[in-house]
Structures are given as C-alpha cells and as structure tokens.
Amino acid sequence: MIKFTKMHGLGNDYVYIDCINQNIENQSELAKFVSNRNFGIGSDGLILICKSDNADFKMRMFNSDGSEAEMCGNGIRCVGKFVYDKGLTDKEVVKIETLAGIKILNLNIKNGKVETVKVDMGEPILQPEKIPVISNENPVKNLKLKVEDKEFKFTCVSMGNPHSITIVDNTEDFDVHKYGKIVEIDTVFPQKTNVEFVQIVDRQNIKMRVWERGAGETLACGTGACASVVACVINNFIDKSANVELLGGKLHIEWDEENNHIYMTGPAVTVFDGTLYY
C-alpha cells in the first residue's frame, strides 16, 4: 500500500510519493506501472521525495519508460508545493537536491497553500562535452541534422539534462512526434536528448512544443523552456526575460546577467491524493 499524490505543472503530470515516511522499492518498474494511462494512474512519470544530506529534500525523477532523469522543471515546482502543503516543511525558500545539483525554490503562498514557485535553475551548460553532444562548436549553434524529409539546425543546451532546440515557422501544426522521436536517439547525442521546437513571437515571447527524452511529447517541460530561452538569446532572437507558451500554459524565464543563473516561475497544482495497492 503506497500513498501518492497526482500533481501537474502546466499539464506536465507526475505521480508524487513521500519516500521519507514510506519505503519504495523497484522504482523503475513502479514508474512504468503508474504512468500507464490505461492500466495505471496515468502520468508522464514518477517523482520521489526523499531525505537529503545536502539539502532540505532530495528529488528523484523517473520517466514513463522507467529511466531515471536528472531534473524536471515542472516537476520540481510541484515538489516545492508537495513538501509545504503536506507539512513536511514550513520554509518558503526550500533547497532540493537533484541529479543536476541543488536547486533553490521560492514558494509563493496564497491562503496557506503554494500557488506558484520561482526556481533558481542554475547556470546553463553550453560546452558540448558536458551537454553532451558530439560537436566541434562551442557553443553548439549550428548542429545540422537531416531527419526524414527535413533538415534542421539545432542549438544545444544543458540545464542538467540535454536539450536540442530548433526554430520552426509554426508550432501548432508541426509534426513533433514524427521528428522528435528520431532526433531524440540520434547518435550525435550520447545520452539521447530532449527536443524543443520553438516559434519566435517577438522579443519577449516564444511558443514551444517538446519531445521529452523517455516520455514522448508532453504538455510542458520546465528545463526545456529554460534551455529554449537560452538558445534563442544566444542566437539573438529574444531578450533575456521572456514568456514561454507551452501546450499546457505559460512559464516566465529570466536569464540573470549578474550571476548567469536561469530563473523559472510557474504554477504547481495538486490534482488528487490516493492509495496504490501495488
């Protein structure tokens, strides 16, 4: 018997489990089970809230295919809401350990509950060997890939997990599934990649759809939104403070000139609590 909470950030939904007060085994298999939208709970993956020796809490994230990922921007906002709303902390500034490092969350409280969360996502990584991507460019701004009937030019960024960003004319009618699944597993990406298809609206606004590594297309991706803003800035398409419109809603992303950190602000929503007999 496992107590869980279903939560989402802009429709990027995960099953959240308190592993401080519960012991969870076979996390990868559990992730695949709960994620199944026909025979499980239905989600983009599984997120575990654990004890940490280095921060207030530790977040472990598993994709719907059972693979463990470094970070999830939408997921970590919900972790902030989870630990505050469930009474695991009374802090309004919370440090969360992830495989992509320790992230600092500022919780916006309304009527005793977390409504939105501003996350210090740290510095973007542009060195190809650290993303990782096989390229002689630094930063990687002109990675050309022939995919089926199209040729794309990608800019590559890591926010603790790898992202490849390309500009398209219109995200609404773009075939994300057709091209995303091929780019994800291209051999130029040693650890596969998340793929972002971005439409430039103006200097302060972009639209984005994402093919997530290990999950397929999702309604939103926080790290992908951050990476997309970085990619658009270094290509001089947008300013360092911009809104990112995803299928599930909007995120605000800021690239701070003083400390080089990326800040992401967006909502976190609890859908329901439940008990899993697994």
Protein backbone atom coordinates (compact mmCIF):
# COMPACT_ATOMS: atom_id res chain seq x y z
CA MET A 1 0.00 0.00 0.00
CA ILE A 2 1.53 3.29 -1.16
CA LYS A 3 0.10 6.76 -0.58
CA PHE A 4 0.60 9.08 -3.54
CA THR A 5 -0.38 12.48 -4.89
CA LYS A 6 -1.11 13.28 -8.54
CA MET A 7 0.20 16.77 -9.43
CA HIS A 8 0.97 18.78 -12.54
CA GLY A 9 2.84 21.84 -13.70
CA LEU A 10 1.19 23.16 -16.86
CA GLY A 11 -0.18 19.70 -17.62
CA ASN A 12 3.22 18.02 -17.22
CA ASP A 13 1.84 15.48 -14.74
CA TYR A 14 3.61 13.14 -12.35
CA VAL A 15 2.79 10.80 -9.50
CA TYR A 16 4.49 12.07 -6.31
CA ILE A 17 5.39 9.80 -3.41
CA ASP A 18 6.68 10.73 0.04
CA CYS A 19 9.70 8.43 0.47
CA ILE A 20 10.63 10.00 3.80
CA ASN A 21 7.76 8.22 5.54
CA GLN A 22 7.39 5.31 3.09
CA ASN A 23 9.85 2.81 1.66
CA ILE A 24 9.63 2.35 -2.11
CA GLU A 25 11.38 -0.45 -3.98
CA ASN A 26 11.66 -1.23 -7.71
CA GLN A 27 11.28 2.46 -8.55
CA SER A 28 11.81 1.98 -12.28
CA GLU A 29 9.12 -0.68 -12.62
CA LEU A 30 6.78 1.34 -10.41
CA ALA A 31 7.28 4.37 -12.67
CA LYS A 32 6.26 2.37 -15.74
CA PHE A 33 3.20 1.00 -13.93
CA VAL A 34 1.85 4.28 -12.50
CA SER A 35 2.49 6.17 -15.75
CA ASN A 36 0.31 3.90 -17.85
CA ARG A 37 -2.78 5.91 -18.74
CA ASN A 38 -4.92 2.82 -19.34
CA PHE A 39 -3.85 0.39 -16.63
CA GLY A 40 -2.12 2.66 -14.09
CA ILE A 41 -2.74 6.10 -12.61
CA GLY A 42 -1.65 7.93 -15.76
CA SER A 43 1.26 10.37 -15.80
CA ASP A 44 4.44 11.48 -17.54
CA GLY A 45 6.41 9.70 -14.83
CA LEU A 46 7.12 9.23 -11.14
CA ILE A 47 8.76 11.65 -8.69
CA LEU A 48 10.01 10.57 -5.28
CA ILE A 49 10.58 13.00 -2.39
CA CYS A 50 13.42 11.65 -0.27
CA LYS A 51 15.70 12.64 2.60
CA SER A 52 18.85 14.57 1.69
CA ASP A 53 22.19 15.00 3.44
CA ASN A 54 22.93 18.14 1.42
CA ALA A 55 19.61 19.98 1.12
CA ASP A 56 16.13 20.13 2.64
CA PHE A 57 14.88 17.31 0.41
CA LYS A 58 16.02 15.14 -2.47
CA MET A 59 14.03 14.66 -5.67
CA ARG A 60 14.31 11.53 -7.78
CA MET A 61 12.54 11.56 -11.12
CA PHE A 62 11.65 8.63 -13.38
CA ASN A 63 10.26 8.90 -16.89
CA SER A 64 7.29 6.86 -18.08
CA ASP A 65 9.68 4.33 -19.67
CA GLY A 66 11.31 3.70 -16.27
CA SER A 67 14.53 5.60 -16.98
CA GLU A 68 15.79 7.96 -14.28
CA ALA A 69 16.30 11.57 -15.37
CA GLU A 70 18.44 14.32 -13.88
CA MET A 71 15.81 17.03 -13.41
CA CYS A 72 12.35 18.26 -14.32
CA GLY A 73 11.47 21.94 -14.08
CA ASN A 74 7.72 21.45 -13.87
CA GLY A 75 8.21 18.53 -11.51
CA ILE A 76 10.42 20.40 -9.06
CA ARG A 77 7.86 23.19 -8.70
CA CYS A 78 5.35 20.55 -7.63
CA VAL A 79 7.91 19.12 -5.19
CA GLY A 80 8.00 22.55 -3.56
CA LYS A 81 4.23 22.60 -3.28
CA PHE A 82 4.16 19.00 -2.01
CA VAL A 83 6.60 19.49 0.86
CA TYR A 84 4.96 22.73 2.01
CA ASP A 85 1.30 21.78 1.60
CA LYS A 86 1.88 18.37 3.22
CA GLY A 87 3.56 19.98 6.24
CA LEU A 88 7.00 18.46 5.60
CA THR A 89 8.46 21.99 5.88
CA ASP A 90 7.34 25.46 6.87
CA LYS A 91 10.11 27.16 4.88
CA GLU A 92 9.19 29.45 2.00
CA VAL A 93 12.67 29.07 0.49
CA VAL A 94 13.50 25.39 0.01
CA LYS A 95 16.63 23.63 -1.25
CA ILE A 96 16.06 20.50 -3.33
CA GLU A 97 18.82 18.05 -4.23
CA THR A 98 18.63 16.62 -7.77
CA LEU A 99 20.97 14.73 -10.08
CA ALA A 100 21.51 18.12 -11.75
CA GLY A 101 22.61 19.73 -8.48
CA ILE A 102 20.84 21.59 -5.67
CA LYS A 103 18.01 23.87 -6.80
CA ILE A 104 16.61 26.73 -4.71
CA LEU A 105 12.83 27.24 -4.73
CA ASN A 106 10.99 30.39 -3.67
CA LEU A 107 7.43 29.45 -2.77
CA ASN A 108 4.58 31.90 -3.38
CA ILE A 109 1.99 31.16 -0.68
CA LYS A 110 -1.68 32.06 -1.04
CA ASN A 111 -4.28 31.12 1.59
CA GLY A 112 -1.81 28.72 3.22
CA LYS A 113 -1.04 26.80 0.02
CA VAL A 114 1.68 27.12 -2.61
CA GLU A 115 0.31 28.73 -5.77
CA THR A 116 3.41 29.42 -7.87
CA VAL A 117 7.10 28.64 -7.49
CA LYS A 118 10.18 30.51 -8.68
CA VAL A 119 13.08 28.13 -9.22
CA ASP A 120 16.75 29.03 -9.46
CA MET A 121 17.69 26.59 -12.21
CA GLY A 122 21.40 27.42 -12.03
CA GLU A 123 23.68 28.23 -14.94
CA PRO A 124 23.05 26.89 -18.44
CA ILE A 125 25.69 24.50 -19.74
CA LEU A 126 26.90 25.21 -23.27
CA GLN A 127 30.10 23.13 -23.56
CA PRO A 128 29.35 20.24 -25.96
CA GLU A 129 31.13 17.57 -23.91
CA LYS A 130 29.09 18.48 -20.83
CA ILE A 131 25.66 18.58 -22.54
CA PRO A 132 26.63 16.03 -24.03
CA VAL A 133 26.63 16.36 -27.82
CA ILE A 134 29.26 15.42 -30.38
CA SER A 135 30.30 18.71 -31.96
CA ASN A 136 33.38 20.88 -32.53
CA GLU A 137 31.33 24.05 -31.91
CA ASN A 138 31.30 25.81 -28.53
CA PRO A 139 28.56 26.83 -28.04
CA VAL A 140 26.74 24.44 -30.37
CA LYS A 141 24.55 26.73 -32.51
CA ASN A 142 24.64 25.14 -35.94
CA LEU A 143 24.16 21.42 -35.47
CA LYS A 144 22.60 20.30 -38.74
CA LEU A 145 20.63 17.05 -38.83
CA LYS A 146 18.75 15.54 -41.76
CA VAL A 147 15.58 13.93 -40.42
CA GLU A 148 13.30 12.19 -42.91
CA ASP A 149 12.34 14.90 -45.43
CA LYS A 150 13.66 17.92 -43.47
CA GLU A 151 16.99 19.41 -42.42
CA PHE A 152 17.11 21.06 -39.02
CA LYS A 153 19.63 23.37 -37.36
CA PHE A 154 19.86 22.79 -33.61
CA THR A 155 21.29 24.79 -30.73
CA CYS A 156 22.26 22.53 -27.83
CA VAL A 157 21.97 23.44 -24.14
CA SER A 158 22.01 21.51 -20.88
CA MET A 159 20.05 22.55 -17.81
CA GLY A 160 21.39 19.49 -16.02
CA ASN A 161 19.76 17.41 -18.76
CA PRO A 162 20.38 17.63 -22.53
CA HIS A 163 18.24 19.77 -24.84
CA SER A 164 18.31 20.42 -28.57
CA ILE A 165 16.39 23.46 -29.78
CA THR A 166 15.33 24.29 -33.34
CA ILE A 167 13.23 27.12 -34.78
CA VAL A 168 10.08 26.34 -36.76
CA ASP A 169 7.59 28.64 -38.51
CA ASN A 170 4.54 27.40 -36.65
CA THR A 171 4.46 25.08 -33.65
CA GLU A 172 0.71 24.49 -33.89
CA ASP A 173 0.75 22.29 -36.98
CA PHE A 174 4.28 20.91 -36.65
CA ASP A 175 4.63 17.11 -36.51
CA VAL A 176 6.51 16.83 -33.20
CA HIS A 177 6.04 13.06 -32.96
CA LYS A 178 7.43 12.34 -36.43
CA TYR A 179 10.66 14.28 -36.00
CA GLY A 180 11.11 14.34 -32.22
CA LYS A 181 11.37 10.58 -31.77
CA ILE A 182 14.12 10.38 -34.40
CA VAL A 183 16.18 13.32 -33.11
CA GLU A 184 15.98 12.03 -29.51
CA ILE A 185 18.00 8.93 -30.30
CA ASP A 186 20.40 10.32 -32.93
CA THR A 187 23.94 9.03 -32.35
CA VAL A 188 25.27 12.59 -32.03
CA PHE A 189 23.63 12.62 -28.56
CA PRO A 190 25.45 10.09 -26.33
CA GLN A 191 22.75 10.26 -23.63
CA LYS A 192 19.86 10.93 -26.05
CA THR A 193 18.25 14.38 -25.95
CA ASN A 194 15.08 16.34 -25.25
CA VAL A 195 13.93 18.10 -28.41
CA GLU A 196 12.32 21.56 -28.44
CA PHE A 197 10.53 23.05 -31.46
CA VAL A 198 10.27 26.82 -30.99
CA GLN A 199 8.33 29.57 -32.75
CA ILE A 200 9.52 33.16 -32.23
CA VAL A 201 6.59 35.51 -31.50
CA ASP A 202 8.53 38.66 -30.54
CA ARG A 203 11.50 39.69 -28.37
CA GLN A 204 9.67 38.75 -25.15
CA ASN A 205 7.55 35.77 -26.22
CA ILE A 206 8.08 32.37 -27.78
CA LYS A 207 5.95 29.28 -28.31
CA MET A 208 7.41 25.82 -27.66
CA ARG A 209 6.49 22.19 -28.10
CA VAL A 210 8.67 19.47 -26.67
CA TRP A 211 9.53 15.84 -27.31
CA GLU A 212 10.85 14.64 -23.95
CA ARG A 213 13.55 12.01 -23.74
CA GLY A 214 11.98 8.81 -22.43
CA ALA A 215 8.43 10.18 -22.39
CA GLY A 216 7.45 11.49 -25.83
CA GLU A 217 5.55 14.75 -26.35
CA THR A 218 4.35 16.33 -23.12
CA LEU A 219 2.23 19.41 -22.44
CA ALA A 220 5.16 21.27 -20.85
CA CYS A 221 8.83 20.98 -19.92
CA GLY A 222 10.40 23.44 -17.49
CA THR A 223 14.03 22.68 -18.24
CA GLY A 224 13.13 22.72 -21.93
CA ALA A 225 11.59 26.19 -21.58
CA CYS A 226 14.78 27.40 -19.86
CA ALA A 227 17.01 25.82 -22.50
CA SER A 228 14.87 27.28 -25.29
CA VAL A 229 15.18 30.81 -23.91
CA VAL A 230 18.97 30.37 -23.61
CA ALA A 231 19.17 29.08 -27.19
CA CYS A 232 17.07 31.96 -28.52
CA VAL A 233 19.10 34.54 -26.61
CA ILE A 234 22.49 33.31 -27.84
CA ASN A 235 21.09 33.39 -31.37
CA ASN A 236 19.82 36.95 -30.72
CA PHE A 237 16.16 36.11 -31.34
CA ILE A 238 14.79 37.28 -27.97
CA ASP A 239 15.66 39.22 -24.80
CA LYS A 240 16.89 37.64 -21.57
CA SER A 241 13.46 37.87 -19.94
CA ALA A 242 10.70 36.11 -21.85
CA ASN A 243 7.45 34.21 -21.63
CA VAL A 244 7.31 30.68 -22.99
CA GLU A 245 3.91 29.45 -24.16
CA LEU A 246 3.60 25.66 -24.00
CA LEU A 247 0.63 23.43 -24.73
CA GLY A 248 -0.19 23.40 -21.00
CA GLY A 249 0.24 27.12 -20.30
CA LYS A 250 2.91 29.77 -19.77
CA LEU A 251 6.21 29.97 -17.90
CA HIS A 252 8.27 33.09 -17.30
CA ILE A 253 12.02 32.61 -17.77
CA GLU A 254 14.74 35.10 -16.81
CA TRP A 255 18.47 34.84 -17.56
CA ASP A 256 20.18 36.96 -14.91
CA GLU A 257 23.16 38.89 -16.28
CA GLU A 258 24.86 39.24 -12.88
CA ASN A 259 25.11 35.61 -11.77
CA ASN A 260 24.36 33.86 -15.12
CA HIS A 261 21.54 31.87 -13.47
CA ILE A 262 18.24 30.97 -15.09
CA TYR A 263 15.06 31.63 -13.09
CA MET A 264 11.79 29.90 -13.92
CA THR A 265 8.42 30.95 -12.49
CA GLY A 266 5.22 28.98 -12.94
CA PRO A 267 2.28 27.24 -11.27
CA ALA A 268 2.08 23.95 -9.37
CA VAL A 269 -1.24 22.13 -8.99
CA THR A 270 -2.45 19.21 -6.87
CA VAL A 271 -4.96 17.02 -8.71
CA PHE A 272 -5.79 14.35 -6.13
CA ASP A 273 -4.43 12.09 -3.39
CA GLY A 274 -4.77 8.35 -3.49
CA THR A 275 -3.63 4.95 -2.25
CA LEU A 276 -1.93 2.50 -4.57
CA TYR A 277 -2.09 -1.24 -3.91
CA TYR A 278 0.98 -2.48 -5.74
